[in-house]
Amino acid sequence: MKLSLISIERDMIRLEADGPITTADFKSDGKHLFEQLLGQNWTKNVVVLDFEKVSSIDSSAIGWLIATTKEIGAGGGKLVLHSVQPQVKQILALVRVDRALTIVKDEAAARAAIAEGAAK
């Protein structure tokens, strides 16, 4: 997987994932993939992650998504996934992980979810 920083905006950081997400993407050096891009305080951010170019995921990717959601929530931030391909969405639904993640249709829906969360 290639993880790219798209933009840093007033209320969110936009990232894009590209390619399959597998065990090979997670190094044992202890640094979170988001920390490598966003720095030590990455958990304080609202991160919108574009999954449109993610073709497949394995169990390591599922574990990473769950752990990331928990870490970012504990740090005061939020993770929102959007544009998830049907085959990836099906895997997340099959293992019922979709219930623990914020997954929306597209970037506009992600922006709306963030705005709604800020209003609460």
N, C-alpha and C. Protein backbone atom coordinates (compact mmCIF):
# COMPACT_ATOMS: atom_id res chain seq x y z
N MET A 1 0.84 -1.17 0.00
CA MET A 1 0.00 0.00 0.00
C MET A 1 0.88 1.23 0.00
N LYS A 2 0.46 2.19 -0.74
CA LYS A 2 1.10 3.50 -0.72
C LYS A 2 0.12 4.42 0.00
N LEU A 3 0.61 5.14 1.01
CA LEU A 3 -0.21 6.08 1.76
C LEU A 3 0.30 7.48 1.46
N SER A 4 -0.58 8.34 0.97
CA SER A 4 -0.18 9.68 0.56
C SER A 4 -0.97 10.75 1.28
N LEU A 5 -0.31 11.84 1.60
CA LEU A 5 -0.94 13.01 2.18
C LEU A 5 -1.50 13.84 1.02
N ILE A 6 -2.80 14.06 1.01
CA ILE A 6 -3.45 14.83 -0.04
C ILE A 6 -3.53 16.30 0.35
N SER A 7 -4.03 16.57 1.55
CA SER A 7 -4.11 17.96 1.99
C SER A 7 -4.30 18.04 3.50
N ILE A 8 -3.89 19.17 4.04
CA ILE A 8 -4.14 19.49 5.44
C ILE A 8 -5.07 20.70 5.42
N GLU A 9 -6.27 20.50 5.92
CA GLU A 9 -7.28 21.54 5.92
C GLU A 9 -7.56 21.96 7.35
N ARG A 10 -8.37 22.99 7.49
CA ARG A 10 -8.66 23.55 8.81
C ARG A 10 -9.25 22.51 9.75
N ASP A 11 -10.16 21.67 9.24
CA ASP A 11 -10.87 20.73 10.11
C ASP A 11 -10.53 19.27 9.88
N MET A 12 -9.61 18.98 8.93
CA MET A 12 -9.28 17.58 8.67
C MET A 12 -7.98 17.45 7.89
N ILE A 13 -7.48 16.23 7.90
CA ILE A 13 -6.33 15.87 7.07
C ILE A 13 -6.82 14.79 6.11
N ARG A 14 -6.55 14.99 4.83
CA ARG A 14 -6.98 14.04 3.81
C ARG A 14 -5.80 13.17 3.39
N LEU A 15 -5.98 11.85 3.48
CA LEU A 15 -4.99 10.88 3.06
C LEU A 15 -5.60 9.97 2.01
N GLU A 16 -4.72 9.36 1.21
CA GLU A 16 -5.16 8.41 0.20
C GLU A 16 -4.34 7.14 0.31
N ALA A 17 -5.02 6.01 0.31
CA ALA A 17 -4.37 4.70 0.29
C ALA A 17 -4.47 4.16 -1.13
N ASP A 18 -3.42 3.48 -1.57
CA ASP A 18 -3.39 2.97 -2.93
C ASP A 18 -2.78 1.56 -2.93
N GLY A 19 -3.50 0.62 -3.53
CA GLY A 19 -3.00 -0.74 -3.65
C GLY A 19 -3.56 -1.65 -2.57
N PRO A 20 -3.21 -2.92 -2.63
CA PRO A 20 -3.65 -3.86 -1.58
C PRO A 20 -2.98 -3.53 -0.25
N ILE A 21 -3.69 -3.80 0.83
CA ILE A 21 -3.11 -3.59 2.17
C ILE A 21 -2.91 -4.97 2.78
N THR A 22 -1.65 -5.31 3.03
CA THR A 22 -1.30 -6.65 3.52
C THR A 22 -0.29 -6.56 4.66
N THR A 23 0.01 -7.70 5.21
CA THR A 23 1.00 -7.81 6.28
C THR A 23 2.30 -7.11 5.94
N ALA A 24 2.70 -7.15 4.69
CA ALA A 24 3.96 -6.54 4.26
C ALA A 24 4.00 -5.03 4.48
N ASP A 25 2.84 -4.39 4.63
CA ASP A 25 2.79 -2.94 4.81
C ASP A 25 3.08 -2.50 6.24
N PHE A 26 3.11 -3.43 7.16
CA PHE A 26 3.26 -3.08 8.56
C PHE A 26 4.61 -3.54 9.07
N LYS A 27 5.47 -2.57 9.30
CA LYS A 27 6.83 -2.87 9.76
C LYS A 27 6.85 -3.04 11.26
N SER A 28 7.85 -3.71 11.73
CA SER A 28 7.94 -3.97 13.17
C SER A 28 8.71 -2.88 13.91
N ASP A 29 8.96 -1.74 13.28
CA ASP A 29 9.73 -0.67 13.94
C ASP A 29 8.91 0.09 14.98
N GLY A 30 7.61 -0.23 15.08
CA GLY A 30 6.78 0.38 16.10
C GLY A 30 6.11 1.67 15.67
N LYS A 31 6.51 2.29 14.58
CA LYS A 31 5.90 3.54 14.13
C LYS A 31 4.64 3.25 13.33
N HIS A 32 3.58 3.92 13.71
CA HIS A 32 2.32 3.80 12.99
C HIS A 32 2.46 4.48 11.63
N LEU A 33 1.79 3.95 10.63
CA LEU A 33 1.85 4.53 9.29
C LEU A 33 1.41 6.00 9.27
N PHE A 34 0.39 6.33 10.07
CA PHE A 34 -0.05 7.73 10.14
C PHE A 34 1.00 8.61 10.81
N GLU A 35 1.68 8.07 11.81
CA GLU A 35 2.72 8.83 12.50
C GLU A 35 3.85 9.20 11.53
N GLN A 36 4.16 8.29 10.64
CA GLN A 36 5.22 8.56 9.66
C GLN A 36 4.86 9.75 8.78
N LEU A 37 3.58 9.92 8.47
CA LEU A 37 3.13 11.04 7.63
C LEU A 37 2.79 12.30 8.41
N LEU A 38 2.18 12.12 9.59
CA LEU A 38 1.60 13.25 10.31
C LEU A 38 2.33 13.66 11.57
N GLY A 39 3.30 12.86 12.01
CA GLY A 39 4.05 13.20 13.22
C GLY A 39 3.48 12.57 14.46
N GLN A 40 4.12 12.86 15.58
CA GLN A 40 3.80 12.23 16.86
C GLN A 40 2.36 12.44 17.32
N ASN A 41 1.79 13.59 17.04
CA ASN A 41 0.44 13.91 17.53
C ASN A 41 -0.66 13.54 16.54
N TRP A 42 -0.42 12.52 15.75
CA TRP A 42 -1.37 12.14 14.71
C TRP A 42 -2.74 11.78 15.26
N THR A 43 -2.81 11.30 16.49
CA THR A 43 -4.09 10.85 17.05
C THR A 43 -5.02 12.01 17.40
N LYS A 44 -4.54 13.23 17.36
CA LYS A 44 -5.37 14.40 17.68
C LYS A 44 -6.11 14.93 16.45
N ASN A 45 -5.88 14.33 15.31
CA ASN A 45 -6.42 14.84 14.05
C ASN A 45 -7.67 14.09 13.60
N VAL A 46 -8.46 14.78 12.81
CA VAL A 46 -9.55 14.15 12.07
C VAL A 46 -8.93 13.76 10.73
N VAL A 47 -8.92 12.47 10.45
CA VAL A 47 -8.29 11.96 9.23
C VAL A 47 -9.35 11.34 8.33
N VAL A 48 -9.40 11.84 7.11
CA VAL A 48 -10.29 11.30 6.08
C VAL A 48 -9.42 10.48 5.15
N LEU A 49 -9.69 9.19 5.10
CA LEU A 49 -8.86 8.27 4.33
C LEU A 49 -9.62 7.75 3.12
N ASP A 50 -9.12 8.10 1.95
CA ASP A 50 -9.71 7.68 0.68
C ASP A 50 -9.26 6.26 0.36
N PHE A 51 -10.21 5.34 0.28
CA PHE A 51 -9.93 3.92 0.03
C PHE A 51 -10.28 3.51 -1.39
N GLU A 52 -10.51 4.47 -2.27
CA GLU A 52 -10.95 4.15 -3.63
C GLU A 52 -9.97 3.25 -4.37
N LYS A 53 -8.67 3.43 -4.15
CA LYS A 53 -7.66 2.68 -4.88
C LYS A 53 -7.16 1.45 -4.12
N VAL A 54 -7.83 1.10 -3.03
CA VAL A 54 -7.46 -0.10 -2.27
C VAL A 54 -8.23 -1.28 -2.86
N SER A 55 -7.49 -2.19 -3.44
CA SER A 55 -8.10 -3.31 -4.15
C SER A 55 -8.42 -4.51 -3.26
N SER A 56 -7.67 -4.67 -2.17
CA SER A 56 -7.90 -5.80 -1.27
C SER A 56 -7.24 -5.52 0.07
N ILE A 57 -7.71 -6.26 1.09
CA ILE A 57 -7.14 -6.16 2.43
C ILE A 57 -7.03 -7.56 3.01
N ASP A 58 -6.09 -7.72 3.95
CA ASP A 58 -6.00 -9.00 4.65
C ASP A 58 -6.26 -8.77 6.13
N SER A 59 -6.08 -9.79 6.93
CA SER A 59 -6.38 -9.69 8.36
C SER A 59 -5.50 -8.67 9.07
N SER A 60 -4.28 -8.48 8.60
CA SER A 60 -3.41 -7.46 9.20
C SER A 60 -3.97 -6.07 8.96
N ALA A 61 -4.52 -5.84 7.78
CA ALA A 61 -5.12 -4.55 7.47
C ALA A 61 -6.36 -4.30 8.33
N ILE A 62 -7.15 -5.34 8.54
CA ILE A 62 -8.33 -5.21 9.38
C ILE A 62 -7.91 -4.86 10.81
N GLY A 63 -6.92 -5.56 11.32
CA GLY A 63 -6.41 -5.26 12.66
C GLY A 63 -5.87 -3.84 12.75
N TRP A 64 -5.18 -3.40 11.71
CA TRP A 64 -4.63 -2.05 11.66
C TRP A 64 -5.75 -1.01 11.68
N LEU A 65 -6.82 -1.24 10.92
CA LEU A 65 -7.94 -0.30 10.90
C LEU A 65 -8.61 -0.21 12.27
N ILE A 66 -8.81 -1.34 12.92
CA ILE A 66 -9.44 -1.34 14.25
C ILE A 66 -8.54 -0.62 15.25
N ALA A 67 -7.26 -0.96 15.27
CA ALA A 67 -6.33 -0.33 16.21
C ALA A 67 -6.21 1.17 15.95
N THR A 68 -6.17 1.55 14.69
CA THR A 68 -6.06 2.97 14.34
C THR A 68 -7.29 3.73 14.80
N THR A 69 -8.46 3.16 14.59
CA THR A 69 -9.70 3.80 15.03
C THR A 69 -9.71 4.00 16.53
N LYS A 70 -9.27 2.99 17.28
CA LYS A 70 -9.22 3.10 18.74
C LYS A 70 -8.20 4.14 19.19
N GLU A 71 -6.99 4.09 18.60
CA GLU A 71 -5.93 5.03 18.98
C GLU A 71 -6.32 6.47 18.69
N ILE A 72 -6.85 6.71 17.51
CA ILE A 72 -7.19 8.07 17.13
C ILE A 72 -8.36 8.59 17.97
N GLY A 73 -9.30 7.71 18.29
CA GLY A 73 -10.41 8.09 19.16
C GLY A 73 -9.94 8.44 20.56
N ALA A 74 -9.01 7.66 21.08
CA ALA A 74 -8.47 7.92 22.42
C ALA A 74 -7.67 9.23 22.45
N GLY A 75 -7.09 9.60 21.31
CA GLY A 75 -6.30 10.83 21.24
C GLY A 75 -7.13 12.07 20.96
N GLY A 76 -8.43 11.88 20.74
CA GLY A 76 -9.30 13.02 20.48
C GLY A 76 -9.59 13.26 19.02
N GLY A 77 -9.05 12.42 18.14
CA GLY A 77 -9.27 12.57 16.71
C GLY A 77 -10.36 11.63 16.22
N LYS A 78 -10.41 11.50 14.91
CA LYS A 78 -11.42 10.63 14.30
C LYS A 78 -10.88 10.15 12.96
N LEU A 79 -11.24 8.92 12.60
CA LEU A 79 -10.89 8.36 11.30
C LEU A 79 -12.17 8.09 10.53
N VAL A 80 -12.23 8.61 9.30
CA VAL A 80 -13.37 8.39 8.42
C VAL A 80 -12.84 7.81 7.12
N LEU A 81 -13.36 6.65 6.73
CA LEU A 81 -13.00 6.03 5.46
C LEU A 81 -14.07 6.35 4.44
N HIS A 82 -13.65 6.57 3.20
CA HIS A 82 -14.64 6.77 2.15
C HIS A 82 -14.20 6.12 0.84
N SER A 83 -15.17 5.98 -0.04
CA SER A 83 -14.95 5.41 -1.38
C SER A 83 -14.36 4.00 -1.31
N VAL A 84 -14.85 3.21 -0.37
CA VAL A 84 -14.36 1.84 -0.19
C VAL A 84 -14.94 0.96 -1.31
N GLN A 85 -14.06 0.25 -1.99
CA GLN A 85 -14.46 -0.63 -3.08
C GLN A 85 -15.38 -1.75 -2.57
N PRO A 86 -16.32 -2.19 -3.40
CA PRO A 86 -17.29 -3.22 -2.96
C PRO A 86 -16.64 -4.49 -2.40
N GLN A 87 -15.56 -4.97 -3.01
CA GLN A 87 -14.93 -6.21 -2.51
C GLN A 87 -14.29 -6.00 -1.13
N VAL A 88 -13.77 -4.81 -0.88
CA VAL A 88 -13.18 -4.51 0.43
C VAL A 88 -14.30 -4.31 1.45
N LYS A 89 -15.34 -3.59 1.05
CA LYS A 89 -16.49 -3.37 1.93
C LYS A 89 -17.12 -4.70 2.33
N GLN A 90 -17.18 -5.63 1.40
CA GLN A 90 -17.75 -6.95 1.66
C GLN A 90 -16.94 -7.70 2.72
N ILE A 91 -15.63 -7.62 2.62
CA ILE A 91 -14.76 -8.27 3.62
C ILE A 91 -14.99 -7.65 4.99
N LEU A 92 -15.03 -6.31 5.05
CA LEU A 92 -15.24 -5.63 6.33
C LEU A 92 -16.60 -5.99 6.93
N ALA A 93 -17.61 -6.12 6.09
CA ALA A 93 -18.93 -6.50 6.57
C ALA A 93 -18.97 -7.96 7.02
N LEU A 94 -18.28 -8.82 6.29
CA LEU A 94 -18.25 -10.24 6.61
C LEU A 94 -17.70 -10.50 8.02
N VAL A 95 -16.66 -9.77 8.38
CA VAL A 95 -16.07 -9.94 9.72
C VAL A 95 -16.63 -8.93 10.73
N ARG A 96 -17.64 -8.19 10.27
CA ARG A 96 -18.39 -7.24 11.10
C ARG A 96 -17.55 -6.09 11.65
N VAL A 97 -16.49 -5.79 10.99
CA VAL A 97 -15.62 -4.67 11.38
C VAL A 97 -16.24 -3.35 10.93
N ASP A 98 -17.08 -3.41 9.92
CA ASP A 98 -17.72 -2.19 9.41
C ASP A 98 -18.52 -1.47 10.49
N ARG A 99 -18.94 -2.18 11.51
CA ARG A 99 -19.69 -1.59 12.62
C ARG A 99 -18.81 -0.73 13.53
N ALA A 100 -17.53 -1.05 13.58
CA ALA A 100 -16.61 -0.33 14.46
C ALA A 100 -15.93 0.85 13.76
N LEU A 101 -16.08 0.91 12.44
CA LEU A 101 -15.42 1.94 11.65
C LEU A 101 -16.45 2.94 11.14
N THR A 102 -16.00 4.15 10.86
CA THR A 102 -16.85 5.12 10.19
C THR A 102 -16.54 5.04 8.71
N ILE A 103 -17.47 4.46 7.95
CA ILE A 103 -17.31 4.28 6.51
C ILE A 103 -18.45 5.00 5.82
N VAL A 104 -18.09 5.89 4.91
CA VAL A 104 -19.10 6.64 4.17
C VAL A 104 -18.88 6.49 2.67
N LYS A 105 -19.87 6.90 1.90
CA LYS A 105 -19.87 6.67 0.45
C LYS A 105 -18.73 7.37 -0.27
N ASP A 106 -18.54 8.68 0.00
CA ASP A 106 -17.55 9.46 -0.75
C ASP A 106 -17.03 10.60 0.11
N GLU A 107 -16.17 11.43 -0.48
CA GLU A 107 -15.57 12.52 0.28
C GLU A 107 -16.60 13.52 0.77
N ALA A 108 -17.61 13.80 -0.02
CA ALA A 108 -18.66 14.73 0.40
C ALA A 108 -19.36 14.21 1.66
N ALA A 109 -19.63 12.91 1.70
CA ALA A 109 -20.25 12.30 2.88
C ALA A 109 -19.30 12.33 4.08
N ALA A 110 -18.01 12.19 3.82
CA ALA A 110 -17.02 12.27 4.90
C ALA A 110 -17.00 13.67 5.49
N ARG A 111 -17.02 14.67 4.64
CA ARG A 111 -17.06 16.06 5.11
C ARG A 111 -18.33 16.33 5.93
N ALA A 112 -19.45 15.79 5.47
CA ALA A 112 -20.72 15.95 6.18
C ALA A 112 -20.66 15.27 7.55
N ALA A 113 -20.07 14.07 7.60
CA ALA A 113 -19.95 13.33 8.87
C ALA A 113 -19.08 14.10 9.86
N ILE A 114 -18.03 14.74 9.35
CA ILE A 114 -17.14 15.52 10.22
C ILE A 114 -17.88 16.76 10.72
N ALA A 115 -18.57 17.45 9.83
CA ALA A 115 -19.31 18.65 10.22
C ALA A 115 -20.41 18.30 11.24
N GLU A 116 -21.06 17.17 11.05
CA GLU A 116 -22.10 16.72 11.98
C GLU A 116 -21.49 16.41 13.35
N GLY A 117 -20.33 15.76 13.35
CA GLY A 117 -19.64 15.45 14.61
C GLY A 117 -19.19 16.70 15.34
N ALA A 118 -18.78 17.72 14.62
CA ALA A 118 -18.33 18.98 15.22
C ALA A 118 -19.49 19.75 15.82
N ALA A 119 -20.68 19.54 15.26
CA ALA A 119 -21.87 20.27 15.75
C ALA A 119 -22.41 19.68 17.04
N LYS A 120 -22.03 18.45 17.35
CA LYS A 120 -22.56 17.77 18.55
C LYS A 120 -21.85 18.22 19.79
